[in-house]
Amino acid sequence: MDGYDAAFVLQKAFEAAGSTDNLALQQAISAVEYTGVGGFISFDETGQAVRSLVIVKLTSKDGKGFEIVKEVEPGEY
């Protein structure tokens, strides 16, 4: 899930930068806001990703069933 969302965040940054220049990409990714599989993702002033987290528990031994235990919003962790 994280890799999938990361690929789309990078795609949005490349589109916004219009270039592969390192500085242009750095500035573009810091402005990205994206709602992906793992929820809403944005970046703080230090470049750290700010996103919600979901804690899940497997409910079957075959790994096919799960239960959402808690959704943790930014600022709660």
PDB file of N, CA and C in Angstrom:
ATOM      1  N   MET A   1       0.829  -1.187   0.000  1.00  0.00           N
ATOM      2  CA  MET A   1       0.000   0.000   0.000  1.00  0.00           C
ATOM      3  C   MET A   1       0.877   1.257   0.000  1.00  0.00           C
ATOM      4  N   ASP A   2       1.895   1.309   0.854  1.00  0.00           N
ATOM      5  CA  ASP A   2       2.736   2.493   0.912  1.00  0.00           C
ATOM      6  C   ASP A   2       3.478   2.728  -0.402  1.00  0.00           C
ATOM      7  N   GLY A   3       3.964   1.646  -1.011  1.00  0.00           N
ATOM      8  CA  GLY A   3       4.676   1.779  -2.281  1.00  0.00           C
ATOM      9  C   GLY A   3       3.775   2.299  -3.386  1.00  0.00           C
ATOM     10  N   TYR A   4       2.540   1.827  -3.403  1.00  0.00           N
ATOM     11  CA  TYR A   4       1.554   2.267  -4.396  1.00  0.00           C
ATOM     12  C   TYR A   4       1.313   3.767  -4.248  1.00  0.00           C
ATOM     13  N   ASP A   5       1.059   4.208  -3.010  1.00  0.00           N
ATOM     14  CA  ASP A   5       0.814   5.634  -2.772  1.00  0.00           C
ATOM     15  C   ASP A   5       2.062   6.463  -3.077  1.00  0.00           C
ATOM     16  N   ALA A   6       3.236   5.946  -2.724  1.00  0.00           N
ATOM     17  CA  ALA A   6       4.486   6.673  -2.978  1.00  0.00           C
ATOM     18  C   ALA A   6       4.688   6.911  -4.475  1.00  0.00           C
ATOM     19  N   ALA A   7       4.356   5.917  -5.290  1.00  0.00           N
ATOM     20  CA  ALA A   7       4.503   6.069  -6.740  1.00  0.00           C
ATOM     21  C   ALA A   7       3.614   7.193  -7.267  1.00  0.00           C
ATOM     22  N   PHE A   8       2.396   7.299  -6.755  1.00  0.00           N
ATOM     23  CA  PHE A   8       1.500   8.348  -7.219  1.00  0.00           C
ATOM     24  C   PHE A   8       1.886   9.725  -6.677  1.00  0.00           C
ATOM     25  N   VAL A   9       2.440   9.770  -5.465  1.00  0.00           N
ATOM     26  CA  VAL A   9       2.955  11.042  -4.933  1.00  0.00           C
ATOM     27  C   VAL A   9       4.096  11.527  -5.824  1.00  0.00           C
ATOM     28  N   LEU A  10       4.996  10.620  -6.193  1.00  0.00           N
ATOM     29  CA  LEU A  10       6.102  10.999  -7.078  1.00  0.00           C
ATOM     30  C   LEU A  10       5.603  11.432  -8.447  1.00  0.00           C
ATOM     31  N   GLN A  11       4.595  10.756  -8.968  1.00  0.00           N
ATOM     32  CA  GLN A  11       4.034  11.147 -10.261  1.00  0.00           C
ATOM     33  C   GLN A  11       3.506  12.579 -10.204  1.00  0.00           C
ATOM     34  N   LYS A  12       2.777  12.905  -9.126  1.00  0.00           N
ATOM     35  CA  LYS A  12       2.240  14.265  -8.980  1.00  0.00           C
ATOM     36  C   LYS A  12       3.369  15.280  -8.877  1.00  0.00           C
ATOM     37  N   ALA A  13       4.455  14.915  -8.183  1.00  0.00           N
ATOM     38  CA  ALA A  13       5.597  15.824  -8.047  1.00  0.00           C
ATOM     39  C   ALA A  13       6.274  16.052  -9.397  1.00  0.00           C
ATOM     40  N   PHE A  14       6.480  14.988 -10.175  1.00  0.00           N
ATOM     41  CA  PHE A  14       7.078  15.134 -11.507  1.00  0.00           C
ATOM     42  C   PHE A  14       6.211  16.013 -12.404  1.00  0.00           C
ATOM     43  N   GLU A  15       4.907  15.811 -12.358  1.00  0.00           N
ATOM     44  CA  GLU A  15       3.997  16.619 -13.177  1.00  0.00           C
ATOM     45  C   GLU A  15       4.053  18.090 -12.763  1.00  0.00           C
ATOM     46  N   ALA A  16       4.069  18.347 -11.457  1.00  0.00           N
ATOM     47  CA  ALA A  16       4.098  19.730 -10.965  1.00  0.00           C
ATOM     48  C   ALA A  16       5.432  20.399 -11.266  1.00  0.00           C
ATOM     49  N   ALA A  17       6.528  19.653 -11.138  1.00  0.00           N
ATOM     50  CA  ALA A  17       7.857  20.228 -11.371  1.00  0.00           C
ATOM     51  C   ALA A  17       8.093  20.482 -12.855  1.00  0.00           C
ATOM     52  N   GLY A  18       7.544  19.639 -13.686  1.00  0.00           N
ATOM     53  CA  GLY A  18       7.764  19.766 -15.124  1.00  0.00           C
ATOM     54  C   GLY A  18       9.216  19.563 -15.506  1.00  0.00           C
ATOM     55  N   SER A  19       9.959  18.898 -14.634  1.00  0.00           N
ATOM     56  CA  SER A  19      11.394  18.748 -14.820  1.00  0.00           C
ATOM     57  C   SER A  19      11.887  17.611 -13.939  1.00  0.00           C
ATOM     58  N   THR A  20      13.119  17.149 -14.223  1.00  0.00           N
ATOM     59  CA  THR A  20      13.753  16.168 -13.345  1.00  0.00           C
ATOM     60  C   THR A  20      14.836  16.826 -12.494  1.00  0.00           C
ATOM     61  N   ASP A  21      14.879  18.130 -12.496  1.00  0.00           N
ATOM     62  CA  ASP A  21      15.840  18.868 -11.682  1.00  0.00           C
ATOM     63  C   ASP A  21      15.573  18.596 -10.195  1.00  0.00           C
ATOM     64  N   ASN A  22      16.643  18.287  -9.440  1.00  0.00           N
ATOM     65  CA  ASN A  22      16.494  17.925  -8.029  1.00  0.00           C
ATOM     66  C   ASN A  22      15.772  18.989  -7.217  1.00  0.00           C
ATOM     67  N   LEU A  23      16.148  20.243  -7.342  1.00  0.00           N
ATOM     68  CA  LEU A  23      15.534  21.311  -6.564  1.00  0.00           C
ATOM     69  C   LEU A  23      14.065  21.487  -6.939  1.00  0.00           C
ATOM     70  N   ALA A  24      13.763  21.414  -8.220  1.00  0.00           N
ATOM     71  CA  ALA A  24      12.375  21.546  -8.671  1.00  0.00           C
ATOM     72  C   ALA A  24      11.515  20.415  -8.115  1.00  0.00           C
ATOM     73  N   LEU A  25      12.049  19.192  -8.116  1.00  0.00           N
ATOM     74  CA  LEU A  25      11.310  18.053  -7.567  1.00  0.00           C
ATOM     75  C   LEU A  25      11.127  18.167  -6.062  1.00  0.00           C
ATOM     76  N   GLN A  26      12.162  18.630  -5.379  1.00  0.00           N
ATOM     77  CA  GLN A  26      12.076  18.805  -3.928  1.00  0.00           C
ATOM     78  C   GLN A  26      10.980  19.802  -3.568  1.00  0.00           C
ATOM     79  N   GLN A  27      10.930  20.902  -4.280  1.00  0.00           N
ATOM     80  CA  GLN A  27       9.898  21.905  -4.019  1.00  0.00           C
ATOM     81  C   GLN A  27       8.512  21.384  -4.389  1.00  0.00           C
ATOM     82  N   ALA A  28       8.424  20.638  -5.473  1.00  0.00           N
ATOM     83  CA  ALA A  28       7.131  20.114  -5.928  1.00  0.00           C
ATOM     84  C   ALA A  28       6.583  19.071  -4.967  1.00  0.00           C
ATOM     85  N   ILE A  29       7.436  18.177  -4.489  1.00  0.00           N
ATOM     86  CA  ILE A  29       6.930  17.117  -3.603  1.00  0.00           C
ATOM     87  C   ILE A  29       6.469  17.689  -2.274  1.00  0.00           C
ATOM     88  N   SER A  30       7.085  18.778  -1.829  1.00  0.00           N
ATOM     89  CA  SER A  30       6.663  19.363  -0.547  1.00  0.00           C
ATOM     90  C   SER A  30       5.264  19.970  -0.635  1.00  0.00           C
ATOM     91  N   ALA A  31       4.798  20.254  -1.836  1.00  0.00           N
ATOM     92  CA  ALA A  31       3.470  20.844  -2.030  1.00  0.00           C
ATOM     93  C   ALA A  31       2.402  19.804  -2.377  1.00  0.00           C
ATOM     94  N   VAL A  32       2.801  18.544  -2.544  1.00  0.00           N
ATOM     95  CA  VAL A  32       1.850  17.495  -2.935  1.00  0.00           C
ATOM     96  C   VAL A  32       0.854  17.217  -1.809  1.00  0.00           C
ATOM     97  N   GLU A  33      -0.393  17.107  -2.187  1.00  0.00           N
ATOM     98  CA  GLU A  33      -1.458  16.609  -1.318  1.00  0.00           C
ATOM     99  C   GLU A  33      -2.167  15.535  -2.123  1.00  0.00           C
ATOM    100  N   TYR A  34      -2.276  14.350  -1.539  1.00  0.00           N
ATOM    101  CA  TYR A  34      -2.773  13.210  -2.303  1.00  0.00           C
ATOM    102  C   TYR A  34      -3.608  12.304  -1.396  1.00  0.00           C
ATOM    103  N   THR A  35      -4.746  11.869  -1.878  1.00  0.00           N
ATOM    104  CA  THR A  35      -5.543  10.877  -1.167  1.00  0.00           C
ATOM    105  C   THR A  35      -5.371   9.557  -1.891  1.00  0.00           C
ATOM    106  N   GLY A  36      -4.719   8.625  -1.217  1.00  0.00           N
ATOM    107  CA  GLY A  36      -4.413   7.340  -1.817  1.00  0.00           C
ATOM    108  C   GLY A  36      -5.072   6.200  -1.083  1.00  0.00           C
ATOM    109  N   VAL A  37      -4.563   5.018  -1.316  1.00  0.00           N
ATOM    110  CA  VAL A  37      -5.087   3.812  -0.693  1.00  0.00           C
ATOM    111  C   VAL A  37      -4.962   3.904   0.823  1.00  0.00           C
ATOM    112  N   GLY A  38      -3.862   4.473   1.299  1.00  0.00           N
ATOM    113  CA  GLY A  38      -3.615   4.577   2.730  1.00  0.00           C
ATOM    114  C   GLY A  38      -4.170   5.832   3.363  1.00  0.00           C
ATOM    115  N   GLY A  39      -4.942   6.619   2.637  1.00  0.00           N
ATOM    116  CA  GLY A  39      -5.516   7.846   3.185  1.00  0.00           C
ATOM    117  C   GLY A  39      -4.866   9.094   2.624  1.00  0.00           C
ATOM    118  N   PHE A  40      -5.101  10.205   3.293  1.00  0.00           N
ATOM    119  CA  PHE A  40      -4.611  11.509   2.838  1.00  0.00           C
ATOM    120  C   PHE A  40      -3.140  11.668   3.212  1.00  0.00           C
ATOM    121  N   ILE A  41      -2.332  12.159   2.261  1.00  0.00           N
ATOM    122  CA  ILE A  41      -0.904  12.365   2.465  1.00  0.00           C
ATOM    123  C   ILE A  41      -0.558  13.803   2.091  1.00  0.00           C
ATOM    124  N   SER A  42       0.168  14.466   2.983  1.00  0.00           N
ATOM    125  CA  SER A  42       0.748  15.775   2.689  1.00  0.00           C
ATOM    126  C   SER A  42       2.123  15.799   3.347  1.00  0.00           C
ATOM    127  N   PHE A  43       2.823  16.916   3.254  1.00  0.00           N
ATOM    128  CA  PHE A  43       4.166  17.007   3.801  1.00  0.00           C
ATOM    129  C   PHE A  43       4.285  18.258   4.666  1.00  0.00           C
ATOM    130  N   ASP A  44       4.999  18.124   5.814  1.00  0.00           N
ATOM    131  CA  ASP A  44       5.176  19.271   6.698  1.00  0.00           C
ATOM    132  C   ASP A  44       6.366  20.120   6.256  1.00  0.00           C
ATOM    133  N   GLU A  45       6.682  21.148   7.032  1.00  0.00           N
ATOM    134  CA  GLU A  45       7.741  22.087   6.659  1.00  0.00           C
ATOM    135  C   GLU A  45       9.132  21.455   6.642  1.00  0.00           C
ATOM    136  N   THR A  46       9.304  20.300   7.276  1.00  0.00           N
ATOM    137  CA  THR A  46      10.604  19.613   7.256  1.00  0.00           C
ATOM    138  C   THR A  46      10.678  18.561   6.153  1.00  0.00           C
ATOM    139  N   GLY A  47       9.577  18.388   5.411  1.00  0.00           N
ATOM    140  CA  GLY A  47       9.542  17.405   4.340  1.00  0.00           C
ATOM    141  C   GLY A  47       9.050  16.040   4.782  1.00  0.00           C
ATOM    142  N   GLN A  48       8.654  15.932   6.048  1.00  0.00           N
ATOM    143  CA  GLN A  48       8.152  14.669   6.577  1.00  0.00           C
ATOM    144  C   GLN A  48       6.704  14.447   6.128  1.00  0.00           C
ATOM    145  N   ALA A  49       6.408  13.236   5.711  1.00  0.00           N
ATOM    146  CA  ALA A  49       5.037  12.913   5.304  1.00  0.00           C
ATOM    147  C   ALA A  49       4.109  12.976   6.509  1.00  0.00           C
ATOM    148  N   VAL A  50       2.942  13.570   6.300  1.00  0.00           N
ATOM    149  CA  VAL A  50       1.899  13.651   7.325  1.00  0.00           C
ATOM    150  C   VAL A  50       0.724  12.872   6.773  1.00  0.00           C
ATOM    151  N   ARG A  51       0.342  11.819   7.497  1.00  0.00           N
ATOM    152  CA  ARG A  51      -0.736  10.974   6.987  1.00  0.00           C
ATOM    153  C   ARG A  51      -1.406  10.219   8.115  1.00  0.00           C
ATOM    154  N   SER A  52      -2.593   9.748   7.825  1.00  0.00           N
ATOM    155  CA  SER A  52      -3.284   8.911   8.806  1.00  0.00           C
ATOM    156  C   SER A  52      -2.739   7.491   8.710  1.00  0.00           C
ATOM    157  N   LEU A  53      -2.871   6.760   9.792  1.00  0.00           N
ATOM    158  CA  LEU A  53      -2.431   5.372   9.832  1.00  0.00           C
ATOM    159  C   LEU A  53      -3.614   4.492  10.209  1.00  0.00           C
ATOM    160  N   VAL A  54      -3.585   3.256   9.768  1.00  0.00           N
ATOM    161  CA  VAL A  54      -4.629   2.303  10.126  1.00  0.00           C
ATOM    162  C   VAL A  54      -3.941   1.101  10.762  1.00  0.00           C
ATOM    163  N   ILE A  55      -4.406   0.731  11.957  1.00  0.00           N
ATOM    164  CA  ILE A  55      -3.889  -0.448  12.649  1.00  0.00           C
ATOM    165  C   ILE A  55      -4.889  -1.577  12.410  1.00  0.00           C
ATOM    166  N   VAL A  56      -4.396  -2.693  11.867  1.00  0.00           N
ATOM    167  CA  VAL A  56      -5.272  -3.825  11.569  1.00  0.00           C
ATOM    168  C   VAL A  56      -4.822  -5.067  12.325  1.00  0.00           C
ATOM    169  N   LYS A  57      -5.752  -5.985  12.515  1.00  0.00           N
ATOM    170  CA  LYS A  57      -5.472  -7.249  13.182  1.00  0.00           C
ATOM    171  C   LYS A  57      -5.960  -8.370  12.268  1.00  0.00           C
ATOM    172  N   LEU A  58      -5.094  -9.352  12.027  1.00  0.00           N
ATOM    173  CA  LEU A  58      -5.518 -10.510  11.244  1.00  0.00           C
ATOM    174  C   LEU A  58      -6.525 -11.303  12.051  1.00  0.00           C
ATOM    175  N   THR A  59      -7.582 -11.749  11.384  1.00  0.00           N
ATOM    176  CA  THR A  59      -8.641 -12.484  12.083  1.00  0.00           C
ATOM    177  C   THR A  59      -8.712 -13.948  11.659  1.00  0.00           C
ATOM    178  N   SER A  60      -7.865 -14.351  10.738  1.00  0.00           N
ATOM    179  CA  SER A  60      -7.846 -15.756  10.332  1.00  0.00           C
ATOM    180  C   SER A  60      -6.405 -16.195  10.110  1.00  0.00           C
ATOM    181  N   LYS A  61      -6.145 -17.463  10.289  1.00  0.00           N
ATOM    182  CA  LYS A  61      -4.783 -17.984  10.160  1.00  0.00           C
ATOM    183  C   LYS A  61      -4.279 -17.963   8.721  1.00  0.00           C
ATOM    184  N   ASP A  62      -5.178 -17.956   7.758  1.00  0.00           N
ATOM    185  CA  ASP A  62      -4.743 -17.940   6.365  1.00  0.00           C
ATOM    186  C   ASP A  62      -4.382 -16.536   5.890  1.00  0.00           C
ATOM    187  N   GLY A  63      -4.590 -15.524   6.745  1.00  0.00           N
ATOM    188  CA  GLY A  63      -4.200 -14.159   6.409  1.00  0.00           C
ATOM    189  C   GLY A  63      -5.170 -13.434   5.507  1.00  0.00           C
ATOM    190  N   LYS A  64      -6.321 -14.022   5.237  1.00  0.00           N
ATOM    191  CA  LYS A  64      -7.262 -13.402   4.308  1.00  0.00           C
ATOM    192  C   LYS A  64      -8.296 -12.514   4.998  1.00  0.00           C
ATOM    193  N   GLY A  65      -8.422 -12.639   6.306  1.00  0.00           N
ATOM    194  CA  GLY A  65      -9.391 -11.813   7.021  1.00  0.00           C
ATOM    195  C   GLY A  65      -8.675 -10.840   7.945  1.00  0.00           C
ATOM    196  N   PHE A  66      -9.215  -9.645   8.067  1.00  0.00           N
ATOM    197  CA  PHE A  66      -8.633  -8.681   8.982  1.00  0.00           C
ATOM    198  C   PHE A  66      -9.714  -7.785   9.544  1.00  0.00           C
ATOM    199  N   GLU A  67      -9.368  -7.128  10.630  1.00  0.00           N
ATOM    200  CA  GLU A  67     -10.273  -6.205  11.313  1.00  0.00           C
ATOM    201  C   GLU A  67      -9.530  -4.892  11.548  1.00  0.00           C
ATOM    202  N   ILE A  68     -10.156  -3.776  11.242  1.00  0.00           N
ATOM    203  CA  ILE A  68      -9.551  -2.482  11.529  1.00  0.00           C
ATOM    204  C   ILE A  68      -9.695  -2.226  13.021  1.00  0.00           C
ATOM    205  N   VAL A  69      -8.564  -2.077  13.694  1.00  0.00           N
ATOM    206  CA  VAL A  69      -8.551  -1.868  15.135  1.00  0.00           C
ATOM    207  C   VAL A  69      -8.700  -0.389  15.459  1.00  0.00           C
ATOM    208  N   LYS A  70      -7.955   0.452  14.736  1.00  0.00           N
ATOM    209  CA  LYS A  70      -7.970   1.881  15.031  1.00  0.00           C
ATOM    210  C   LYS A  70      -7.438   2.657  13.840  1.00  0.00           C
ATOM    211  N   GLU A  71      -8.022   3.807  13.604  1.00  0.00           N
ATOM    212  CA  GLU A  71      -7.486   4.755  12.638  1.00  0.00           C
ATOM    213  C   GLU A  71      -6.830   5.870  13.433  1.00  0.00           C
ATOM    214  N   VAL A  72      -5.564   6.144  13.146  1.00  0.00           N
ATOM    215  CA  VAL A  72      -4.797   7.144  13.877  1.00  0.00           C
ATOM    216  C   VAL A  72      -4.556   8.336  12.942  1.00  0.00           C
ATOM    217  N   GLU A  73      -5.036   9.479  13.356  1.00  0.00           N
ATOM    218  CA  GLU A  73      -4.903  10.692  12.544  1.00  0.00           C
ATOM    219  C   GLU A  73      -3.575  11.395  12.839  1.00  0.00           C
ATOM    220  N   PRO A  74      -3.074  12.193  11.890  1.00  0.00           N
ATOM    221  CA  PRO A  74      -1.853  12.945  12.141  1.00  0.00           C
ATOM    222  C   PRO A  74      -1.986  13.751  13.435  1.00  0.00           C
ATOM    223  N   GLY A  75      -0.911  13.795  14.190  1.00  0.00           N
ATOM    224  CA  GLY A  75      -0.922  14.501  15.457  1.00  0.00           C
ATOM    225  C   GLY A  75      -1.220  13.596  16.634  1.00  0.00           C
ATOM    226  N   GLU A  76      -1.777  12.404  16.365  1.00  0.00           N
ATOM    227  CA  GLU A  76      -2.065  11.447  17.423  1.00  0.00           C
ATOM    228  C   GLU A  76      -0.899  10.507  17.665  1.00  0.00           C
ATOM    229  N   TYR A  77       0.094  10.514  16.790  1.00  0.00           N
ATOM    230  CA  TYR A  77       1.235   9.616  16.948  1.00  0.00           C
ATOM    231  C   TYR A  77       2.500  10.395  17.115  1.00  0.00           C
TER     232      TYR A  77
END
